[in-house]
Amino acid sequence: MDQPRTERNIKILWALVLLGIVYSGFLYYQRTLTGVDNADGIIGVLFGLYICSHPAANVVDMLFFRRGAQRRSSSGGSDVLWLSLNILVLLIGWLVIFVGTTRLIGRAD
């Protein structure tokens, strides 16, 4: 069986960073997405988990599926940038989860 190759897709990671910032900023300025805090919270937590899933998958690929690592001649600098981008996406995902959780458990005023 031939396993699919995992490529470093920087565009998807930057898109997730942008979407996470837009979502958090929208909730900060508009105060609601659907009009119901519980629905906003559920959407935020699920969206944050989706954002965090990409860096987690990249780390699993890097740790366990390094089949082509010897063939690939990447410099150490590009690996550091790749890891830094994954950490940034993970932090944005945690921020979205935090915003969603505060919407979900926040008390009504």
PDB file of N, CA and C in Angstrom:
ATOM      1  N   MET A   1       0.824  -1.179   0.000  1.00  0.00           N
ATOM      2  CA  MET A   1       0.000   0.000   0.000  1.00  0.00           C
ATOM      3  C   MET A   1       0.872   1.248   0.000  1.00  0.00           C
ATOM      4  N   ASP A   2       0.501   2.185  -0.809  1.00  0.00           N
ATOM      5  CA  ASP A   2       1.270   3.412  -0.906  1.00  0.00           C
ATOM      6  C   ASP A   2       0.603   4.484  -0.050  1.00  0.00           C
ATOM      7  N   GLN A   3       1.343   5.023   0.912  1.00  0.00           N
ATOM      8  CA  GLN A   3       0.797   6.046   1.779  1.00  0.00           C
ATOM      9  C   GLN A   3       0.862   7.399   1.075  1.00  0.00           C
ATOM     10  N   PRO A   4      -0.159   8.245   1.317  1.00  0.00           N
ATOM     11  CA  PRO A   4      -0.109   9.574   0.699  1.00  0.00           C
ATOM     12  C   PRO A   4       1.026  10.402   1.289  1.00  0.00           C
ATOM     13  N   ARG A   5       1.638  11.194   0.434  1.00  0.00           N
ATOM     14  CA  ARG A   5       2.718  12.057   0.900  1.00  0.00           C
ATOM     15  C   ARG A   5       2.142  13.245   1.642  1.00  0.00           C
ATOM     16  N   THR A   6       2.779  13.583   2.716  1.00  0.00           N
ATOM     17  CA  THR A   6       2.358  14.756   3.464  1.00  0.00           C
ATOM     18  C   THR A   6       3.296  15.899   3.119  1.00  0.00           C
ATOM     19  N   GLU A   7       2.755  16.921   2.545  1.00  0.00           N
ATOM     20  CA  GLU A   7       3.536  18.093   2.170  1.00  0.00           C
ATOM     21  C   GLU A   7       3.319  19.185   3.209  1.00  0.00           C
ATOM     22  N   ARG A   8       4.258  20.064   3.311  1.00  0.00           N
ATOM     23  CA  ARG A   8       4.106  21.225   4.183  1.00  0.00           C
ATOM     24  C   ARG A   8       3.254  22.253   3.458  1.00  0.00           C
ATOM     25  N   ASN A   9       2.029  22.392   3.898  1.00  0.00           N
ATOM     26  CA  ASN A   9       1.120  23.324   3.243  1.00  0.00           C
ATOM     27  C   ASN A   9       1.000  24.588   4.082  1.00  0.00           C
ATOM     28  N   ILE A  10       1.820  25.549   3.759  1.00  0.00           N
ATOM     29  CA  ILE A  10       1.883  26.800   4.515  1.00  0.00           C
ATOM     30  C   ILE A  10       0.624  27.631   4.289  1.00  0.00           C
ATOM     31  N   LYS A  11       0.039  27.548   3.105  1.00  0.00           N
ATOM     32  CA  LYS A  11      -1.151  28.348   2.803  1.00  0.00           C
ATOM     33  C   LYS A  11      -2.313  27.985   3.715  1.00  0.00           C
ATOM     34  N   ILE A  12      -2.500  26.708   3.980  1.00  0.00           N
ATOM     35  CA  ILE A  12      -3.587  26.286   4.869  1.00  0.00           C
ATOM     36  C   ILE A  12      -3.347  26.802   6.285  1.00  0.00           C
ATOM     37  N   LEU A  13      -2.116  26.737   6.755  1.00  0.00           N
ATOM     38  CA  LEU A  13      -1.828  27.209   8.104  1.00  0.00           C
ATOM     39  C   LEU A  13      -2.050  28.714   8.229  1.00  0.00           C
ATOM     40  N   TRP A  14      -1.617  29.481   7.229  1.00  0.00           N
ATOM     41  CA  TRP A  14      -1.850  30.926   7.279  1.00  0.00           C
ATOM     42  C   TRP A  14      -3.338  31.252   7.176  1.00  0.00           C
ATOM     43  N   ALA A  15      -4.076  30.473   6.383  1.00  0.00           N
ATOM     44  CA  ALA A  15      -5.523  30.682   6.283  1.00  0.00           C
ATOM     45  C   ALA A  15      -6.192  30.407   7.625  1.00  0.00           C
ATOM     46  N   LEU A  16      -5.746  29.386   8.338  1.00  0.00           N
ATOM     47  CA  LEU A  16      -6.310  29.095   9.654  1.00  0.00           C
ATOM     48  C   LEU A  16      -5.988  30.190  10.659  1.00  0.00           C
ATOM     49  N   VAL A  17      -4.781  30.744  10.591  1.00  0.00           N
ATOM     50  CA  VAL A  17      -4.428  31.866  11.464  1.00  0.00           C
ATOM     51  C   VAL A  17      -5.358  33.049  11.177  1.00  0.00           C
ATOM     52  N   LEU A  18      -5.536  33.358   9.907  1.00  0.00           N
ATOM     53  CA  LEU A  18      -6.390  34.475   9.524  1.00  0.00           C
ATOM     54  C   LEU A  18      -7.833  34.245   9.959  1.00  0.00           C
ATOM     55  N   LEU A  19      -8.366  33.058   9.716  1.00  0.00           N
ATOM     56  CA  LEU A  19      -9.747  32.762  10.106  1.00  0.00           C
ATOM     57  C   LEU A  19      -9.937  32.808  11.624  1.00  0.00           C
ATOM     58  N   GLY A  20      -8.967  32.311  12.370  1.00  0.00           N
ATOM     59  CA  GLY A  20      -9.057  32.354  13.828  1.00  0.00           C
ATOM     60  C   GLY A  20      -9.048  33.779  14.357  1.00  0.00           C
ATOM     61  N   ILE A  21      -8.201  34.622  13.783  1.00  0.00           N
ATOM     62  CA  ILE A  21      -8.144  36.026  14.207  1.00  0.00           C
ATOM     63  C   ILE A  21      -9.427  36.749  13.826  1.00  0.00           C
ATOM     64  N   VAL A  22      -9.930  36.495  12.627  1.00  0.00           N
ATOM     65  CA  VAL A  22     -11.180  37.128  12.188  1.00  0.00           C
ATOM     66  C   VAL A  22     -12.339  36.698  13.078  1.00  0.00           C
ATOM     67  N   TYR A  23     -12.426  35.404  13.387  1.00  0.00           N
ATOM     68  CA  TYR A  23     -13.503  34.908  14.246  1.00  0.00           C
ATOM     69  C   TYR A  23     -13.436  35.542  15.633  1.00  0.00           C
ATOM     70  N   SER A  24     -12.250  35.554  16.241  1.00  0.00           N
ATOM     71  CA  SER A  24     -12.102  36.135  17.572  1.00  0.00           C
ATOM     72  C   SER A  24     -12.377  37.632  17.561  1.00  0.00           C
ATOM     73  N   GLY A  25     -11.881  38.316  16.552  1.00  0.00           N
ATOM     74  CA  GLY A  25     -12.138  39.751  16.441  1.00  0.00           C
ATOM     75  C   GLY A  25     -13.606  40.059  16.209  1.00  0.00           C
ATOM     76  N   PHE A  26     -14.259  39.249  15.398  1.00  0.00           N
ATOM     77  CA  PHE A  26     -15.684  39.455  15.140  1.00  0.00           C
ATOM     78  C   PHE A  26     -16.486  39.302  16.427  1.00  0.00           C
ATOM     79  N   LEU A  27     -16.179  38.277  17.211  1.00  0.00           N
ATOM     80  CA  LEU A  27     -16.901  38.100  18.476  1.00  0.00           C
ATOM     81  C   LEU A  27     -16.558  39.190  19.481  1.00  0.00           C
ATOM     82  N   TYR A  28     -15.351  39.726  19.408  1.00  0.00           N
ATOM     83  CA  TYR A  28     -14.975  40.793  20.323  1.00  0.00           C
ATOM     84  C   TYR A  28     -15.752  42.080  20.022  1.00  0.00           C
ATOM     85  N   TYR A  29     -15.887  42.402  18.740  1.00  0.00           N
ATOM     86  CA  TYR A  29     -16.547  43.653  18.370  1.00  0.00           C
ATOM     87  C   TYR A  29     -18.060  43.523  18.226  1.00  0.00           C
ATOM     88  N   GLN A  30     -18.553  42.402  17.748  1.00  0.00           N
ATOM     89  CA  GLN A  30     -19.995  42.246  17.530  1.00  0.00           C
ATOM     90  C   GLN A  30     -20.707  41.604  18.719  1.00  0.00           C
ATOM     91  N   ARG A  31     -19.970  40.969  19.587  1.00  0.00           N
ATOM     92  CA  ARG A  31     -20.483  40.314  20.786  1.00  0.00           C
ATOM     93  C   ARG A  31     -21.284  39.049  20.539  1.00  0.00           C
ATOM     94  N   THR A  32     -21.716  38.783  19.324  1.00  0.00           N
ATOM     95  CA  THR A  32     -22.451  37.559  19.049  1.00  0.00           C
ATOM     96  C   THR A  32     -22.323  37.184  17.576  1.00  0.00           C
ATOM     97  N   LEU A  33     -22.417  35.907  17.322  1.00  0.00           N
ATOM     98  CA  LEU A  33     -22.380  35.408  15.958  1.00  0.00           C
ATOM     99  C   LEU A  33     -23.767  34.928  15.548  1.00  0.00           C
ATOM    100  N   THR A  34     -24.415  34.205  16.461  1.00  0.00           N
ATOM    101  CA  THR A  34     -25.737  33.649  16.161  1.00  0.00           C
ATOM    102  C   THR A  34     -26.838  34.303  16.978  1.00  0.00           C
ATOM    103  N   GLY A  35     -26.500  35.028  18.011  1.00  0.00           N
ATOM    104  CA  GLY A  35     -27.499  35.608  18.896  1.00  0.00           C
ATOM    105  C   GLY A  35     -27.714  34.781  20.151  1.00  0.00           C
ATOM    106  N   VAL A  36     -27.168  33.578  20.182  1.00  0.00           N
ATOM    107  CA  VAL A  36     -27.299  32.687  21.341  1.00  0.00           C
ATOM    108  C   VAL A  36     -25.895  32.353  21.831  1.00  0.00           C
ATOM    109  N   ASP A  37     -25.608  32.666  23.090  1.00  0.00           N
ATOM    110  CA  ASP A  37     -24.258  32.456  23.616  1.00  0.00           C
ATOM    111  C   ASP A  37     -23.838  30.995  23.584  1.00  0.00           C
ATOM    112  N   ASN A  38     -24.763  30.073  23.879  1.00  0.00           N
ATOM    113  CA  ASN A  38     -24.405  28.653  23.852  1.00  0.00           C
ATOM    114  C   ASN A  38     -24.017  28.208  22.446  1.00  0.00           C
ATOM    115  N   ALA A  39     -24.742  28.652  21.451  1.00  0.00           N
ATOM    116  CA  ALA A  39     -24.412  28.293  20.066  1.00  0.00           C
ATOM    117  C   ALA A  39     -23.073  28.911  19.658  1.00  0.00           C
ATOM    118  N   ASP A  40     -22.844  30.168  20.048  1.00  0.00           N
ATOM    119  CA  ASP A  40     -21.559  30.808  19.758  1.00  0.00           C
ATOM    120  C   ASP A  40     -20.415  30.047  20.421  1.00  0.00           C
ATOM    121  N   GLY A  41     -20.637  29.585  21.649  1.00  0.00           N
ATOM    122  CA  GLY A  41     -19.613  28.833  22.363  1.00  0.00           C
ATOM    123  C   GLY A  41     -19.307  27.499  21.713  1.00  0.00           C
ATOM    124  N   ILE A  42     -20.347  26.787  21.322  1.00  0.00           N
ATOM    125  CA  ILE A  42     -20.142  25.490  20.676  1.00  0.00           C
ATOM    126  C   ILE A  42     -19.403  25.662  19.354  1.00  0.00           C
ATOM    127  N   ILE A  43     -19.801  26.651  18.573  1.00  0.00           N
ATOM    128  CA  ILE A  43     -19.129  26.916  17.299  1.00  0.00           C
ATOM    129  C   ILE A  43     -17.668  27.280  17.539  1.00  0.00           C
ATOM    130  N   GLY A  44     -17.409  28.114  18.545  1.00  0.00           N
ATOM    131  CA  GLY A  44     -16.033  28.522  18.838  1.00  0.00           C
ATOM    132  C   GLY A  44     -15.153  27.373  19.276  1.00  0.00           C
ATOM    133  N   VAL A  45     -15.678  26.512  20.155  1.00  0.00           N
ATOM    134  CA  VAL A  45     -14.877  25.380  20.629  1.00  0.00           C
ATOM    135  C   VAL A  45     -14.591  24.419  19.479  1.00  0.00           C
ATOM    136  N   LEU A  46     -15.596  24.100  18.684  1.00  0.00           N
ATOM    137  CA  LEU A  46     -15.382  23.185  17.560  1.00  0.00           C
ATOM    138  C   LEU A  46     -14.428  23.774  16.524  1.00  0.00           C
ATOM    139  N   PHE A  47     -14.580  25.069  16.241  1.00  0.00           N
ATOM    140  CA  PHE A  47     -13.686  25.720  15.281  1.00  0.00           C
ATOM    141  C   PHE A  47     -12.257  25.766  15.811  1.00  0.00           C
ATOM    142  N   GLY A  48     -12.103  26.034  17.102  1.00  0.00           N
ATOM    143  CA  GLY A  48     -10.770  26.029  17.706  1.00  0.00           C
ATOM    144  C   GLY A  48     -10.125  24.655  17.676  1.00  0.00           C
ATOM    145  N   LEU A  49     -10.915  23.617  17.922  1.00  0.00           N
ATOM    146  CA  LEU A  49     -10.384  22.258  17.844  1.00  0.00           C
ATOM    147  C   LEU A  49      -9.965  21.919  16.420  1.00  0.00           C
ATOM    148  N   TYR A  50     -10.737  22.387  15.439  1.00  0.00           N
ATOM    149  CA  TYR A  50     -10.359  22.155  14.048  1.00  0.00           C
ATOM    150  C   TYR A  50      -9.046  22.867  13.713  1.00  0.00           C
ATOM    151  N   ILE A  51      -8.900  24.094  14.183  1.00  0.00           N
ATOM    152  CA  ILE A  51      -7.663  24.836  13.934  1.00  0.00           C
ATOM    153  C   ILE A  51      -6.482  24.116  14.579  1.00  0.00           C
ATOM    154  N   CYS A  52      -6.650  23.630  15.799  1.00  0.00           N
ATOM    155  CA  CYS A  52      -5.560  22.950  16.500  1.00  0.00           C
ATOM    156  C   CYS A  52      -5.237  21.587  15.904  1.00  0.00           C
ATOM    157  N   SER A  53      -6.171  21.004  15.160  1.00  0.00           N
ATOM    158  CA  SER A  53      -5.921  19.673  14.616  1.00  0.00           C
ATOM    159  C   SER A  53      -4.832  19.672  13.542  1.00  0.00           C
ATOM    160  N   HIS A  54      -4.685  20.751  12.819  1.00  0.00           N
ATOM    161  CA  HIS A  54      -3.676  20.796  11.758  1.00  0.00           C
ATOM    162  C   HIS A  54      -2.249  20.775  12.299  1.00  0.00           C
ATOM    163  N   PRO A  55      -1.897  21.626  13.278  1.00  0.00           N
ATOM    164  CA  PRO A  55      -0.541  21.509  13.824  1.00  0.00           C
ATOM    165  C   PRO A  55      -0.307  20.173  14.526  1.00  0.00           C
ATOM    166  N   ALA A  56      -1.344  19.639  15.166  1.00  0.00           N
ATOM    167  CA  ALA A  56      -1.186  18.335  15.822  1.00  0.00           C
ATOM    168  C   ALA A  56      -0.895  17.249  14.789  1.00  0.00           C
ATOM    169  N   ALA A  57      -1.593  17.283  13.671  1.00  0.00           N
ATOM    170  CA  ALA A  57      -1.335  16.306  12.612  1.00  0.00           C
ATOM    171  C   ALA A  57       0.070  16.483  12.033  1.00  0.00           C
ATOM    172  N   ASN A  58       0.514  17.719  11.920  1.00  0.00           N
ATOM    173  CA  ASN A  58       1.867  17.958  11.403  1.00  0.00           C
ATOM    174  C   ASN A  58       2.929  17.414  12.351  1.00  0.00           C
ATOM    175  N   VAL A  59       2.713  17.548  13.664  1.00  0.00           N
ATOM    176  CA  VAL A  59       3.668  17.017  14.633  1.00  0.00           C
ATOM    177  C   VAL A  59       3.686  15.490  14.587  1.00  0.00           C
ATOM    178  N   VAL A  60       2.506  14.877  14.472  1.00  0.00           N
ATOM    179  CA  VAL A  60       2.452  13.413  14.372  1.00  0.00           C
ATOM    180  C   VAL A  60       3.175  12.951  13.115  1.00  0.00           C
ATOM    181  N   ASP A  61       2.946  13.633  12.012  1.00  0.00           N
ATOM    182  CA  ASP A  61       3.652  13.285  10.777  1.00  0.00           C
ATOM    183  C   ASP A  61       5.162  13.423  10.941  1.00  0.00           C
ATOM    184  N   MET A  62       5.570  14.504  11.605  1.00  0.00           N
ATOM    185  CA  MET A  62       6.989  14.753  11.773  1.00  0.00           C
ATOM    186  C   MET A  62       7.630  13.703  12.687  1.00  0.00           C
ATOM    187  N   LEU A  63       6.917  13.273  13.726  1.00  0.00           N
ATOM    188  CA  LEU A  63       7.496  12.333  14.677  1.00  0.00           C
ATOM    189  C   LEU A  63       7.454  10.887  14.206  1.00  0.00           C
ATOM    190  N   PHE A  64       6.362  10.479  13.582  1.00  0.00           N
ATOM    191  CA  PHE A  64       6.176   9.067  13.302  1.00  0.00           C
ATOM    192  C   PHE A  64       6.354   8.677  11.839  1.00  0.00           C
ATOM    193  N   PHE A  65       6.156   9.593  10.932  1.00  0.00           N
ATOM    194  CA  PHE A  65       6.221   9.267   9.516  1.00  0.00           C
ATOM    195  C   PHE A  65       7.370   9.987   8.843  1.00  0.00           C
ATOM    196  N   ARG A  66       8.542   9.800   9.339  1.00  0.00           N
ATOM    197  CA  ARG A  66       9.719  10.475   8.793  1.00  0.00           C
ATOM    198  C   ARG A  66      10.388   9.633   7.730  1.00  0.00           C
ATOM    199  N   ARG A  67       9.592   8.904   6.979  1.00  0.00           N
ATOM    200  CA  ARG A  67      10.112   8.011   5.949  1.00  0.00           C
ATOM    201  C   ARG A  67      10.986   8.746   4.950  1.00  0.00           C
ATOM    202  N   GLY A  68      10.523   9.891   4.502  1.00  0.00           N
ATOM    203  CA  GLY A  68      11.255  10.625   3.485  1.00  0.00           C
ATOM    204  C   GLY A  68      12.180  11.678   4.051  1.00  0.00           C
ATOM    205  N   ALA A  69      12.428  11.627   5.347  1.00  0.00           N
ATOM    206  CA  ALA A  69      13.240  12.674   5.969  1.00  0.00           C
ATOM    207  C   ALA A  69      14.685  12.626   5.489  1.00  0.00           C
ATOM    208  N   GLN A  70      15.181  11.421   5.219  1.00  0.00           N
ATOM    209  CA  GLN A  70      16.567  11.335   4.763  1.00  0.00           C
ATOM    210  C   GLN A  70      16.691  11.817   3.326  1.00  0.00           C
ATOM    211  N   ARG A  71      15.638  11.603   2.527  1.00  0.00           N
ATOM    212  CA  ARG A  71      15.691  12.050   1.137  1.00  0.00           C
ATOM    213  C   ARG A  71      15.574  13.565   1.035  1.00  0.00           C
ATOM    214  N   ARG A  72      14.790  14.124   1.917  1.00  0.00           N
ATOM    215  CA  ARG A  72      14.542  15.558   1.874  1.00  0.00           C
ATOM    216  C   ARG A  72      15.737  16.291   2.471  1.00  0.00           C
ATOM    217  N   SER A  73      16.248  17.235   1.754  1.00  0.00           N
ATOM    218  CA  SER A  73      17.392  17.983   2.261  1.00  0.00           C
ATOM    219  C   SER A  73      16.951  19.405   2.580  1.00  0.00           C
ATOM    220  N   SER A  74      16.238  19.529   3.693  1.00  0.00           N
ATOM    221  CA  SER A  74      15.785  20.861   4.082  1.00  0.00           C
ATOM    222  C   SER A  74      16.760  21.431   5.099  1.00  0.00           C
ATOM    223  N   SER A  75      16.869  22.715   5.072  1.00  0.00           N
ATOM    224  CA  SER A  75      17.777  23.359   5.999  1.00  0.00           C
ATOM    225  C   SER A  75      17.136  23.450   7.374  1.00  0.00           C
ATOM    226  N   GLY A  76      17.954  23.614   8.371  1.00  0.00           N
ATOM    227  CA  GLY A  76      17.454  23.731   9.742  1.00  0.00           C
ATOM    228  C   GLY A  76      16.599  24.969   9.936  1.00  0.00           C
ATOM    229  N   GLY A  77      16.890  26.024   9.177  1.00  0.00           N
ATOM    230  CA  GLY A  77      16.112  27.258   9.289  1.00  0.00           C
ATOM    231  C   GLY A  77      14.684  27.086   8.837  1.00  0.00           C
ATOM    232  N   SER A  78      14.481  26.335   7.764  1.00  0.00           N
ATOM    233  CA  SER A  78      13.119  26.123   7.293  1.00  0.00           C
ATOM    234  C   SER A  78      12.342  25.243   8.256  1.00  0.00           C
ATOM    235  N   ASP A  79      13.031  24.315   8.926  1.00  0.00           N
ATOM    236  CA  ASP A  79      12.362  23.498   9.937  1.00  0.00           C
ATOM    237  C   ASP A  79      11.927  24.341  11.127  1.00  0.00           C
ATOM    238  N   VAL A  80      12.753  25.291  11.513  1.00  0.00           N
ATOM    239  CA  VAL A  80      12.411  26.169  12.635  1.00  0.00           C
ATOM    240  C   VAL A  80      11.223  27.055  12.261  1.00  0.00           C
ATOM    241  N   LEU A  81      11.212  27.583  11.043  1.00  0.00           N
ATOM    242  CA  LEU A  81      10.077  28.400  10.605  1.00  0.00           C
ATOM    243  C   LEU A  81       8.796  27.580  10.530  1.00  0.00           C
ATOM    244  N   TRP A  82       8.896  26.341  10.046  1.00  0.00           N
ATOM    245  CA  TRP A  82       7.737  25.453   9.963  1.00  0.00           C
ATOM    246  C   TRP A  82       7.188  25.160  11.356  1.00  0.00           C
ATOM    247  N   LEU A  83       8.068  24.884  12.294  1.00  0.00           N
ATOM    248  CA  LEU A  83       7.651  24.619  13.659  1.00  0.00           C
ATOM    249  C   LEU A  83       7.052  25.871  14.301  1.00  0.00           C
ATOM    250  N   SER A  84       7.642  27.027  14.032  1.00  0.00           N
ATOM    251  CA  SER A  84       7.113  28.281  14.574  1.00  0.00           C
ATOM    252  C   SER A  84       5.716  28.581  14.037  1.00  0.00           C
ATOM    253  N   LEU A  85       5.493  28.342  12.767  1.00  0.00           N
ATOM    254  CA  LEU A  85       4.168  28.555  12.190  1.00  0.00           C
ATOM    255  C   LEU A  85       3.146  27.603  12.803  1.00  0.00           C
ATOM    256  N   ASN A  86       3.540  26.364  13.036  1.00  0.00           N
ATOM    257  CA  ASN A  86       2.641  25.413  13.675  1.00  0.00           C
ATOM    258  C   ASN A  86       2.304  25.833  15.101  1.00  0.00           C
ATOM    259  N   ILE A  87       3.277  26.350  15.820  1.00  0.00           N
ATOM    260  CA  ILE A  87       3.020  26.829  17.183  1.00  0.00           C
ATOM    261  C   ILE A  87       2.088  28.033  17.152  1.00  0.00           C
ATOM    262  N   LEU A  88       2.274  28.937  16.191  1.00  0.00           N
ATOM    263  CA  LEU A  88       1.383  30.082  16.054  1.00  0.00           C
ATOM    264  C   LEU A  88      -0.053  29.634  15.785  1.00  0.00           C
ATOM    265  N   VAL A  89      -0.229  28.684  14.888  1.00  0.00           N
ATOM    266  CA  VAL A  89      -1.572  28.173  14.583  1.00  0.00           C
ATOM    267  C   VAL A  89      -2.172  27.518  15.815  1.00  0.00           C
ATOM    268  N   LEU A  90      -1.373  26.782  16.563  1.00  0.00           N
ATOM    269  CA  LEU A  90      -1.860  26.143  17.778  1.00  0.00           C
ATOM    270  C   LEU A  90      -2.296  27.180  18.808  1.00  0.00           C
ATOM    271  N   LEU A  91      -1.536  28.252  18.954  1.00  0.00           N
ATOM    272  CA  LEU A  91      -1.917  29.315  19.900  1.00  0.00           C
ATOM    273  C   LEU A  91      -3.207  30.016  19.467  1.00  0.00           C
ATOM    274  N   ILE A  92      -3.358  30.268  18.183  1.00  0.00           N
ATOM    275  CA  ILE A  92      -4.592  30.873  17.682  1.00  0.00           C
ATOM    276  C   ILE A  92      -5.770  29.932  17.937  1.00  0.00           C
ATOM    277  N   GLY A  93      -5.566  28.643  17.720  1.00  0.00           N
ATOM    278  CA  GLY A  93      -6.617  27.664  17.996  1.00  0.00           C
ATOM    279  C   GLY A  93      -7.006  27.662  19.458  1.00  0.00           C
ATOM    280  N   TRP A  94      -6.020  27.730  20.343  1.00  0.00           N
ATOM    281  CA  TRP A  94      -6.324  27.796  21.778  1.00  0.00           C
ATOM    282  C   TRP A  94      -7.078  29.066  22.124  1.00  0.00           C
ATOM    283  N   LEU A  95      -6.732  30.173  21.486  1.00  0.00           N
ATOM    284  CA  LEU A  95      -7.446  31.422  21.709  1.00  0.00           C
ATOM    285  C   LEU A  95      -8.913  31.288  21.298  1.00  0.00           C
ATOM    286  N   VAL A  96      -9.158  30.676  20.157  1.00  0.00           N
ATOM    287  CA  VAL A  96     -10.532  30.482  19.688  1.00  0.00           C
ATOM    288  C   VAL A  96     -11.285  29.553  20.636  1.00  0.00           C
ATOM    289  N   ILE A  97     -10.626  28.501  21.122  1.00  0.00           N
ATOM    290  CA  ILE A  97     -11.261  27.615  22.097  1.00  0.00           C
ATOM    291  C   ILE A  97     -11.583  28.375  23.371  1.00  0.00           C
ATOM    292  N   PHE A  98     -10.675  29.232  23.826  1.00  0.00           N
ATOM    293  CA  PHE A  98     -10.904  30.026  25.033  1.00  0.00           C
ATOM    294  C   PHE A  98     -12.092  30.961  24.859  1.00  0.00           C
ATOM    295  N   VAL A  99     -12.143  31.639  23.714  1.00  0.00           N
ATOM    296  CA  VAL A  99     -13.269  32.545  23.449  1.00  0.00           C
ATOM    297  C   VAL A  99     -14.576  31.756  23.411  1.00  0.00           C
ATOM    298  N   GLY A 100     -14.569  30.610  22.754  1.00  0.00           N
ATOM    299  CA  GLY A 100     -15.767  29.782  22.694  1.00  0.00           C
ATOM    300  C   GLY A 100     -16.181  29.265  24.053  1.00  0.00           C
ATOM    301  N   THR A 101     -15.206  28.873  24.871  1.00  0.00           N
ATOM    302  CA  THR A 101     -15.517  28.368  26.206  1.00  0.00           C
ATOM    303  C   THR A 101     -16.094  29.459  27.089  1.00  0.00           C
ATOM    304  N   THR A 102     -15.551  30.666  26.996  1.00  0.00           N
ATOM    305  CA  THR A 102     -16.107  31.749  27.803  1.00  0.00           C
ATOM    306  C   THR A 102     -17.524  32.090  27.360  1.00  0.00           C
ATOM    307  N   ARG A 103     -17.823  31.952  26.082  1.00  0.00           N
ATOM    308  CA  ARG A 103     -19.200  32.136  25.613  1.00  0.00           C
ATOM    309  C   ARG A 103     -20.108  31.023  26.128  1.00  0.00           C
ATOM    310  N   LEU A 104     -19.571  29.834  26.182  1.00  0.00           N
ATOM    311  CA  LEU A 104     -20.368  28.676  26.562  1.00  0.00           C
ATOM    312  C   LEU A 104     -20.707  28.675  28.057  1.00  0.00           C
ATOM    313  N   ILE A 105     -19.754  29.062  28.894  1.00  0.00           N
ATOM    314  CA  ILE A 105     -20.004  28.993  30.333  1.00  0.00           C
ATOM    315  C   ILE A 105     -20.239  30.364  30.958  1.00  0.00           C
ATOM    316  N   GLY A 106     -20.199  31.419  30.144  1.00  0.00           N
ATOM    317  CA  GLY A 106     -20.414  32.753  30.664  1.00  0.00           C
ATOM    318  C   GLY A 106     -21.834  32.916  31.199  1.00  0.00           C
ATOM    319  N   ARG A 107     -21.970  33.748  32.211  1.00  0.00           N
ATOM    320  CA  ARG A 107     -23.298  33.954  32.785  1.00  0.00           C
ATOM    321  C   ARG A 107     -24.008  35.076  32.054  1.00  0.00           C
ATOM    322  N   ALA A 108     -25.306  34.972  31.999  1.00  0.00           N
ATOM    323  CA  ALA A 108     -26.114  35.996  31.320  1.00  0.00           C
ATOM    324  C   ALA A 108     -26.177  37.253  32.161  1.00  0.00           C
ATOM    325  N   ASP A 109     -26.076  38.392  31.516  1.00  0.00           N
ATOM    326  CA  ASP A 109     -26.124  39.675  32.233  1.00  0.00           C
ATOM    327  C   ASP A 109     -27.532  40.199  32.291  1.00  0.00           C
TER     328      ASP A 109
END
